[in-house]
């Protein structure tokens, strides 16, 4: 494992140690400013296993030793851990490597950037989940409103114009069918979502969706008869 190759690959913020036959670890990157907070080196840049400031890394050597003793090419990761001192907080990961060529290495990576990226990704996922819950809540509110209107109107043709206009301007797609699957009312948002056209109205597209989820022919009539809601997600 050439240190120049690591630099060429952009892997610059890591400490690299080469393990000898006597399991002594020579540091090839002693100039890293954060390294003294994790390990102790002697005058020949050899790691002093009896004087390791990091308790987590000291514990990792128990498993790393087994990797280096073996004859099989293998890489063992310590997982992420945090070291904190008065001046800084370090996010680290250690790798014990047994290469195909028979060389043994220890790599201690400063993963601050990856840690921050993962934290940002988790935050974005959390915000997306909250947004999803908000949208689901809005859909549920609209569904209850529609159910309320349906109960008060035996036939949707009798809906007063303001309610029809409200449905028409919703950003949520709405398609209202009768018990035979005939179209009673829809809006522009449903046309966009269902990719409707002059030859393929929303009623047909809904029928295709129901067919796609293997819904029986009695699906819609049963819902109308029981006056029961159904909610699901399609991907």
C-alpha atoms as a PDB file:
ATOM      1  CA  UNK A   1       0.000   0.000   0.000  1.00  0.00           C
ATOM      2  CA  UNK A   2       1.894   3.048  -1.304  1.00  0.00           C
ATOM      3  CA  UNK A   3       1.353   6.328   0.564  1.00  0.00           C
ATOM      4  CA  UNK A   4       1.720   8.173  -2.752  1.00  0.00           C
ATOM      5  CA  UNK A   5      -1.087   6.070  -4.178  1.00  0.00           C
ATOM      6  CA  UNK A   6      -3.309   7.027  -1.246  1.00  0.00           C
ATOM      7  CA  UNK A   7      -2.558  10.687  -1.876  1.00  0.00           C
ATOM      8  CA  UNK A   8      -3.325  10.294  -5.565  1.00  0.00           C
ATOM      9  CA  UNK A   9      -6.693   8.787  -4.661  1.00  0.00           C
ATOM     10  CA  UNK A  10      -7.451  11.733  -2.409  1.00  0.00           C
ATOM     11  CA  UNK A  11      -7.198   9.653   0.782  1.00  0.00           C
ATOM     12  CA  UNK A  12      -5.032  12.159   2.630  1.00  0.00           C
ATOM     13  CA  UNK A  13      -6.552  12.469   6.088  1.00  0.00           C
ATOM     14  CA  UNK A  14      -5.650   9.027   7.376  1.00  0.00           C
ATOM     15  CA  UNK A  15      -2.793   7.509   9.339  1.00  0.00           C
ATOM     16  CA  UNK A  16      -1.114   4.494   7.731  1.00  0.00           C
ATOM     17  CA  UNK A  17       0.889   1.902   9.676  1.00  0.00           C
ATOM     18  CA  UNK A  18       2.782  -1.063   8.258  1.00  0.00           C
ATOM     19  CA  UNK A  19       2.861  -4.178  10.397  1.00  0.00           C
ATOM     20  CA  UNK A  20       6.130  -6.139  10.547  1.00  0.00           C
ATOM     21  CA  UNK A  21       6.553  -9.862  11.124  1.00  0.00           C
ATOM     22  CA  UNK A  22       7.015  -9.082  14.827  1.00  0.00           C
ATOM     23  CA  UNK A  23       3.716  -7.173  14.724  1.00  0.00           C
ATOM     24  CA  UNK A  24       5.436  -3.850  15.235  1.00  0.00           C
ATOM     25  CA  UNK A  25       3.562  -1.001  13.586  1.00  0.00           C
ATOM     26  CA  UNK A  26       5.602   1.634  11.750  1.00  0.00           C
ATOM     27  CA  UNK A  27       3.746   4.868  11.021  1.00  0.00           C
ATOM     28  CA  UNK A  28       4.173   6.053   7.415  1.00  0.00           C
ATOM     29  CA  UNK A  29       2.267   9.297   8.031  1.00  0.00           C
ATOM     30  CA  UNK A  30       3.607  10.665  11.351  1.00  0.00           C
ATOM     31  CA  UNK A  31       3.063  14.311  10.383  1.00  0.00           C
ATOM     32  CA  UNK A  32      -0.725  14.276  10.863  1.00  0.00           C
ATOM     33  CA  UNK A  33      -1.576  16.920  13.518  1.00  0.00           C
ATOM     34  CA  UNK A  34      -4.400  14.917  15.143  1.00  0.00           C
ATOM     35  CA  UNK A  35      -2.456  11.637  15.382  1.00  0.00           C
ATOM     36  CA  UNK A  36      -0.860  12.260  18.837  1.00  0.00           C
ATOM     37  CA  UNK A  37      -4.365  12.397  20.335  1.00  0.00           C
ATOM     38  CA  UNK A  38      -4.940   8.813  19.192  1.00  0.00           C
ATOM     39  CA  UNK A  39      -1.589   6.963  19.353  1.00  0.00           C
ATOM     40  CA  UNK A  40       1.901   7.351  20.805  1.00  0.00           C
ATOM     41  CA  UNK A  41       4.967   7.000  18.544  1.00  0.00           C
ATOM     42  CA  UNK A  42       8.618   6.459  19.483  1.00  0.00           C
ATOM     43  CA  UNK A  43      11.591   8.180  17.835  1.00  0.00           C
ATOM     44  CA  UNK A  44      11.444   5.695  14.928  1.00  0.00           C
ATOM     45  CA  UNK A  45       7.739   6.355  14.356  1.00  0.00           C
ATOM     46  CA  UNK A  46       6.767   2.983  15.751  1.00  0.00           C
ATOM     47  CA  UNK A  47       3.452   2.726  17.558  1.00  0.00           C
ATOM     48  CA  UNK A  48       3.724   2.129  21.298  1.00  0.00           C
ATOM     49  CA  UNK A  49       0.950  -0.356  22.055  1.00  0.00           C
ATOM     50  CA  UNK A  50       1.412   0.062  25.808  1.00  0.00           C
ATOM     51  CA  UNK A  51       0.806   3.795  25.556  1.00  0.00           C
ATOM     52  CA  UNK A  52      -2.279   4.276  23.404  1.00  0.00           C
ATOM     53  CA  UNK A  53      -4.353   7.345  24.402  1.00  0.00           C
ATOM     54  CA  UNK A  54      -7.416   5.966  22.640  1.00  0.00           C
ATOM     55  CA  UNK A  55      -9.112   3.250  24.697  1.00  0.00           C
ATOM     56  CA  UNK A  56     -11.290   2.303  21.715  1.00  0.00           C
ATOM     57  CA  UNK A  57      -8.282   1.784  19.429  1.00  0.00           C
ATOM     58  CA  UNK A  58      -6.472  -0.158  22.155  1.00  0.00           C
ATOM     59  CA  UNK A  59      -9.453  -2.543  22.340  1.00  0.00           C
ATOM     60  CA  UNK A  60      -9.543  -2.855  18.535  1.00  0.00           C
ATOM     61  CA  UNK A  61      -6.013  -4.320  18.520  1.00  0.00           C
ATOM     62  CA  UNK A  62      -7.370  -7.543  20.060  1.00  0.00           C
ATOM     63  CA  UNK A  63      -9.351  -8.284  16.869  1.00  0.00           C
ATOM     64  CA  UNK A  64      -6.789  -6.710  14.534  1.00  0.00           C
ATOM     65  CA  UNK A  65      -4.116  -9.115  15.795  1.00  0.00           C
ATOM     66  CA  UNK A  66      -6.211 -12.079  14.676  1.00  0.00           C
ATOM     67  CA  UNK A  67      -6.567 -10.559  11.191  1.00  0.00           C
ATOM     68  CA  UNK A  68      -2.820 -10.048  10.838  1.00  0.00           C
ATOM     69  CA  UNK A  69      -2.054 -13.600  12.011  1.00  0.00           C
ATOM     70  CA  UNK A  70      -4.235 -15.168   9.334  1.00  0.00           C
ATOM     71  CA  UNK A  71      -3.253 -16.174   5.800  1.00  0.00           C
ATOM     72  CA  UNK A  72      -6.449 -14.908   4.165  1.00  0.00           C
ATOM     73  CA  UNK A  73      -6.861 -11.512   2.515  1.00  0.00           C
ATOM     74  CA  UNK A  74      -9.234  -9.629   4.773  1.00  0.00           C
ATOM     75  CA  UNK A  75     -10.121  -6.136   6.032  1.00  0.00           C
ATOM     76  CA  UNK A  76     -11.678  -5.567   9.439  1.00  0.00           C
ATOM     77  CA  UNK A  77     -13.351  -2.248  10.302  1.00  0.00           C
ATOM     78  CA  UNK A  78     -13.667  -0.932  13.823  1.00  0.00           C
ATOM     79  CA  UNK A  79     -16.751   1.101  12.985  1.00  0.00           C
ATOM     80  CA  UNK A  80     -16.970   4.813  13.761  1.00  0.00           C
ATOM     81  CA  UNK A  81     -15.952   6.238  17.103  1.00  0.00           C
ATOM     82  CA  UNK A  82     -15.344   9.664  18.624  1.00  0.00           C
ATOM     83  CA  UNK A  83     -12.289  10.973  20.467  1.00  0.00           C
ATOM     84  CA  UNK A  84     -12.640  14.262  22.339  1.00  0.00           C
ATOM     85  CA  UNK A  85     -10.047  16.453  24.003  1.00  0.00           C
ATOM     86  CA  UNK A  86      -9.932  20.042  25.166  1.00  0.00           C
ATOM     87  CA  UNK A  87      -9.305  21.423  21.679  1.00  0.00           C
ATOM     88  CA  UNK A  88     -11.190  19.231  19.236  1.00  0.00           C
ATOM     89  CA  UNK A  89     -13.539  16.342  18.550  1.00  0.00           C
ATOM     90  CA  UNK A  90     -12.282  13.594  16.217  1.00  0.00           C
ATOM     91  CA  UNK A  91     -14.504  11.205  14.227  1.00  0.00           C
ATOM     92  CA  UNK A  92     -12.417   8.121  13.480  1.00  0.00           C
ATOM     93  CA  UNK A  93     -12.464   4.656  11.943  1.00  0.00           C
ATOM     94  CA  UNK A  94      -9.718   2.015  12.061  1.00  0.00           C
ATOM     95  CA  UNK A  95      -9.056  -0.723   9.493  1.00  0.00           C
ATOM     96  CA  UNK A  96      -6.918  -3.830  10.016  1.00  0.00           C
ATOM     97  CA  UNK A  97      -5.813  -5.057   6.570  1.00  0.00           C
ATOM     98  CA  UNK A  98      -4.313  -8.376   5.520  1.00  0.00           C
ATOM     99  CA  UNK A  99      -3.512  -7.963   1.819  1.00  0.00           C
ATOM    100  CA  UNK A 100      -3.110 -10.631  -0.867  1.00  0.00           C
ATOM    101  CA  UNK A 101       0.612  -9.858  -1.077  1.00  0.00           C
ATOM    102  CA  UNK A 102       1.057 -10.830   2.565  1.00  0.00           C
ATOM    103  CA  UNK A 103       1.495  -7.262   3.803  1.00  0.00           C
ATOM    104  CA  UNK A 104      -0.304  -6.145   6.935  1.00  0.00           C
ATOM    105  CA  UNK A 105      -1.524  -2.615   7.592  1.00  0.00           C
ATOM    106  CA  UNK A 106      -3.386  -0.517  10.104  1.00  0.00           C
ATOM    107  CA  UNK A 107      -5.266   2.502   8.804  1.00  0.00           C
ATOM    108  CA  UNK A 108      -6.782   5.111  11.116  1.00  0.00           C
ATOM    109  CA  UNK A 109      -9.108   7.371   9.148  1.00  0.00           C
ATOM    110  CA  UNK A 110     -10.303  10.818  10.155  1.00  0.00           C
ATOM    111  CA  UNK A 111     -13.855  10.658   8.821  1.00  0.00           C
ATOM    112  CA  UNK A 112     -15.084  14.103   9.879  1.00  0.00           C
ATOM    113  CA  UNK A 113     -16.258  14.924   6.342  1.00  0.00           C
ATOM    114  CA  UNK A 114     -18.040  11.590   5.869  1.00  0.00           C
ATOM    115  CA  UNK A 115     -19.588  11.961   9.321  1.00  0.00           C
ATOM    116  CA  UNK A 116     -20.926  15.414   8.455  1.00  0.00           C
ATOM    117  CA  UNK A 117     -22.262  14.159   5.119  1.00  0.00           C
ATOM    118  CA  UNK A 118     -24.023  11.255   6.841  1.00  0.00           C
ATOM    119  CA  UNK A 119     -25.474  13.614   9.439  1.00  0.00           C
ATOM    120  CA  UNK A 120     -26.763  15.929   6.681  1.00  0.00           C
ATOM    121  CA  UNK A 121     -28.231  12.937   4.824  1.00  0.00           C
ATOM    122  CA  UNK A 122     -30.011  11.747   7.970  1.00  0.00           C
ATOM    123  CA  UNK A 123     -31.308  15.268   8.599  1.00  0.00           C
ATOM    124  CA  UNK A 124     -32.609  15.494   5.028  1.00  0.00           C
ATOM    125  CA  UNK A 125     -34.271  12.086   5.406  1.00  0.00           C
ATOM    126  CA  UNK A 126     -35.838  13.203   8.695  1.00  0.00           C
ATOM    127  CA  UNK A 127     -37.194  16.379   7.073  1.00  0.00           C
ATOM    128  CA  UNK A 128     -38.506  14.365   4.127  1.00  0.00           C
ATOM    129  CA  UNK A 129     -40.280  11.983   6.506  1.00  0.00           C
ATOM    130  CA  UNK A 130     -41.881  14.904   8.359  1.00  0.00           C
ATOM    131  CA  UNK A 131     -42.966  16.375   5.023  1.00  0.00           C
ATOM    132  CA  UNK A 132     -44.423  13.003   4.029  1.00  0.00           C
ATOM    133  CA  UNK A 133     -46.412  12.813   7.279  1.00  0.00           C
ATOM    134  CA  UNK A 134     -47.692  16.345   6.681  1.00  0.00           C
ATOM    135  CA  UNK A 135     -48.833  15.472   3.147  1.00  0.00           C
ATOM    136  CA  UNK A 136     -50.503  12.285   4.385  1.00  0.00           C
ATOM    137  CA  UNK A 137     -52.293  14.353   7.033  1.00  0.00           C
ATOM    138  CA  UNK A 138     -53.513  16.780   4.380  1.00  0.00           C
ATOM    139  CA  UNK A 139     -54.740  13.924   2.210  1.00  0.00           C
ATOM    140  CA  UNK A 140     -56.541  12.417   5.193  1.00  0.00           C
ATOM    141  CA  UNK A 141     -58.230  15.756   5.921  1.00  0.00           C
ATOM    142  CA  UNK A 142     -59.344  16.076   2.298  1.00  0.00           C
ATOM    143  CA  UNK A 143     -60.623  12.497   2.320  1.00  0.00           C
ATOM    144  CA  UNK A 144     -62.737  13.164   5.407  1.00  0.00           C
ATOM    145  CA  UNK A 145     -64.101  16.336   3.831  1.00  0.00           C
ATOM    146  CA  UNK A 146     -65.016  14.443   0.679  1.00  0.00           C
ATOM    147  CA  UNK A 147     -66.637  11.670   2.716  1.00  0.00           C
ATOM    148  CA  UNK A 148     -68.654  14.297   4.551  1.00  0.00           C
ATOM    149  CA  UNK A 149     -69.812  15.777   1.256  1.00  0.00           C
ATOM    150  CA  UNK A 150     -70.639  12.335  -0.119  1.00  0.00           C
ATOM    151  CA  UNK A 151     -72.818  11.547   2.876  1.00  0.00           C
ATOM    152  CA  UNK A 152     -74.763  14.775   2.431  1.00  0.00           C
ATOM    153  CA  UNK A 153     -75.191  14.309  -1.315  1.00  0.00           C
ATOM    154  CA  UNK A 154     -76.716  11.137  -2.659  1.00  0.00           C
ATOM    155  CA  UNK A 155     -75.689  12.137  -6.160  1.00  0.00           C
ATOM    156  CA  UNK A 156     -72.547  14.188  -6.796  1.00  0.00           C
ATOM    157  CA  UNK A 157     -74.299  16.032  -9.659  1.00  0.00           C
ATOM    158  CA  UNK A 158     -76.108  18.031  -6.993  1.00  0.00           C
ATOM    159  CA  UNK A 159     -72.881  19.471  -5.567  1.00  0.00           C
ATOM    160  CA  UNK A 160     -72.995  23.219  -5.303  1.00  0.00           C
ATOM    161  CA  UNK A 161     -70.558  25.091  -7.616  1.00  0.00           C
ATOM    162  CA  UNK A 162     -68.240  26.379  -4.811  1.00  0.00           C
ATOM    163  CA  UNK A 163     -67.435  22.818  -3.717  1.00  0.00           C
ATOM    164  CA  UNK A 164     -66.858  21.727  -7.300  1.00  0.00           C
ATOM    165  CA  UNK A 165     -64.552  24.709  -7.779  1.00  0.00           C
ATOM    166  CA  UNK A 166     -62.638  23.899  -4.578  1.00  0.00           C
ATOM    167  CA  UNK A 167     -62.023  20.319  -5.764  1.00  0.00           C
ATOM    168  CA  UNK A 168     -61.043  21.585  -9.208  1.00  0.00           C
ATOM    169  CA  UNK A 169     -58.312  23.858  -7.740  1.00  0.00           C
ATOM    170  CA  UNK A 170     -56.841  21.331  -5.290  1.00  0.00           C
ATOM    171  CA  UNK A 171     -53.158  20.401  -5.697  1.00  0.00           C
ATOM    172  CA  UNK A 172     -54.135  16.883  -4.607  1.00  0.00           C
ATOM    173  CA  UNK A 173     -55.522  14.680  -7.359  1.00  0.00           C
ATOM    174  CA  UNK A 174     -59.216  13.857  -6.855  1.00  0.00           C
ATOM    175  CA  UNK A 175     -61.223  11.373  -8.944  1.00  0.00           C
ATOM    176  CA  UNK A 176     -64.807  10.582  -7.903  1.00  0.00           C
ATOM    177  CA  UNK A 177     -66.450   7.570  -9.529  1.00  0.00           C
ATOM    178  CA  UNK A 178     -69.855   5.984  -9.162  1.00  0.00           C
ATOM    179  CA  UNK A 179     -70.363   2.349  -8.164  1.00  0.00           C
ATOM    180  CA  UNK A 180     -70.028   1.271 -11.812  1.00  0.00           C
ATOM    181  CA  UNK A 181     -66.712   3.058 -12.292  1.00  0.00           C
ATOM    182  CA  UNK A 182     -68.208   5.932 -14.248  1.00  0.00           C
ATOM    183  CA  UNK A 183     -66.625   9.359 -13.825  1.00  0.00           C
ATOM    184  CA  UNK A 184     -68.543  11.830 -11.671  1.00  0.00           C
ATOM    185  CA  UNK A 185     -65.888  14.464 -10.965  1.00  0.00           C
ATOM    186  CA  UNK A 186     -62.121  14.954 -11.214  1.00  0.00           C
ATOM    187  CA  UNK A 187     -59.639  17.819 -11.275  1.00  0.00           C
ATOM    188  CA  UNK A 188     -56.497  19.047 -13.057  1.00  0.00           C
ATOM    189  CA  UNK A 189     -54.123  17.580 -10.478  1.00  0.00           C
ATOM    190  CA  UNK A 190     -55.522  14.085 -11.112  1.00  0.00           C
ATOM    191  CA  UNK A 191     -55.004  14.574 -14.855  1.00  0.00           C
ATOM    192  CA  UNK A 192     -51.316  15.340 -14.266  1.00  0.00           C
ATOM    193  CA  UNK A 193     -50.762  12.511 -11.803  1.00  0.00           C
ATOM    194  CA  UNK A 194     -52.567   9.897 -13.899  1.00  0.00           C
ATOM    195  CA  UNK A 195     -51.203  11.133 -17.251  1.00  0.00           C
ATOM    196  CA  UNK A 196     -54.710  11.523 -18.650  1.00  0.00           C
ATOM    197  CA  UNK A 197     -55.503  12.554 -22.222  1.00  0.00           C
ATOM    198  CA  UNK A 198     -58.559  13.181 -24.345  1.00  0.00           C
ATOM    199  CA  UNK A 199     -58.706   9.485 -25.201  1.00  0.00           C
ATOM    200  CA  UNK A 200     -57.727   8.226 -21.732  1.00  0.00           C
ATOM    201  CA  UNK A 201     -59.805   9.947 -19.030  1.00  0.00           C
ATOM    202  CA  UNK A 202     -59.149   9.609 -15.318  1.00  0.00           C
ATOM    203  CA  UNK A 203     -61.836   6.931 -14.903  1.00  0.00           C
ATOM    204  CA  UNK A 204     -59.970   4.637 -17.313  1.00  0.00           C
ATOM    205  CA  UNK A 205     -56.619   5.385 -15.661  1.00  0.00           C
ATOM    206  CA  UNK A 206     -58.066   4.552 -12.233  1.00  0.00           C
ATOM    207  CA  UNK A 207     -59.426   1.315 -13.692  1.00  0.00           C
ATOM    208  CA  UNK A 208     -55.945   0.488 -14.997  1.00  0.00           C
ATOM    209  CA  UNK A 209     -54.442   1.191 -11.561  1.00  0.00           C
ATOM    210  CA  UNK A 210     -57.000  -1.074  -9.877  1.00  0.00           C
ATOM    211  CA  UNK A 211     -56.211  -3.758 -12.417  1.00  0.00           C
ATOM    212  CA  UNK A 212     -52.503  -3.275 -11.742  1.00  0.00           C
ATOM    213  CA  UNK A 213     -52.970  -4.073  -8.042  1.00  0.00           C
ATOM    214  CA  UNK A 214     -55.206  -7.078  -8.904  1.00  0.00           C
ATOM    215  CA  UNK A 215     -58.307  -5.493  -7.339  1.00  0.00           C
ATOM    216  CA  UNK A 216     -61.449  -7.606  -7.993  1.00  0.00           C
ATOM    217  CA  UNK A 217     -64.344  -6.274 -10.080  1.00  0.00           C
ATOM    218  CA  UNK A 218     -66.385  -5.949  -6.884  1.00  0.00           C
ATOM    219  CA  UNK A 219     -63.829  -3.570  -5.324  1.00  0.00           C
ATOM    220  CA  UNK A 220     -65.563  -0.237  -6.024  1.00  0.00           C
ATOM    221  CA  UNK A 221     -69.170  -1.492  -5.660  1.00  0.00           C
ATOM    222  CA  UNK A 222     -68.265  -3.008  -2.276  1.00  0.00           C
ATOM    223  CA  UNK A 223     -66.784   0.264  -1.035  1.00  0.00           C
ATOM    224  CA  UNK A 224     -69.906   2.140  -2.132  1.00  0.00           C
ATOM    225  CA  UNK A 225     -72.203  -0.421  -0.540  1.00  0.00           C
ATOM    226  CA  UNK A 226     -70.331  -0.458   2.766  1.00  0.00           C
ATOM    227  CA  UNK A 227     -69.572   3.296   2.643  1.00  0.00           C
ATOM    228  CA  UNK A 228     -66.055   2.286   3.711  1.00  0.00           C
ATOM    229  CA  UNK A 229     -62.835   4.172   2.909  1.00  0.00           C
ATOM    230  CA  UNK A 230     -59.751   2.550   1.431  1.00  0.00           C
ATOM    231  CA  UNK A 231     -56.259   3.992   1.609  1.00  0.00           C
ATOM    232  CA  UNK A 232     -53.075   2.672   0.061  1.00  0.00           C
ATOM    233  CA  UNK A 233     -49.870   3.621  -1.739  1.00  0.00           C
ATOM    234  CA  UNK A 234     -48.772   2.806  -5.260  1.00  0.00           C
ATOM    235  CA  UNK A 235     -45.112   2.838  -6.393  1.00  0.00           C
END
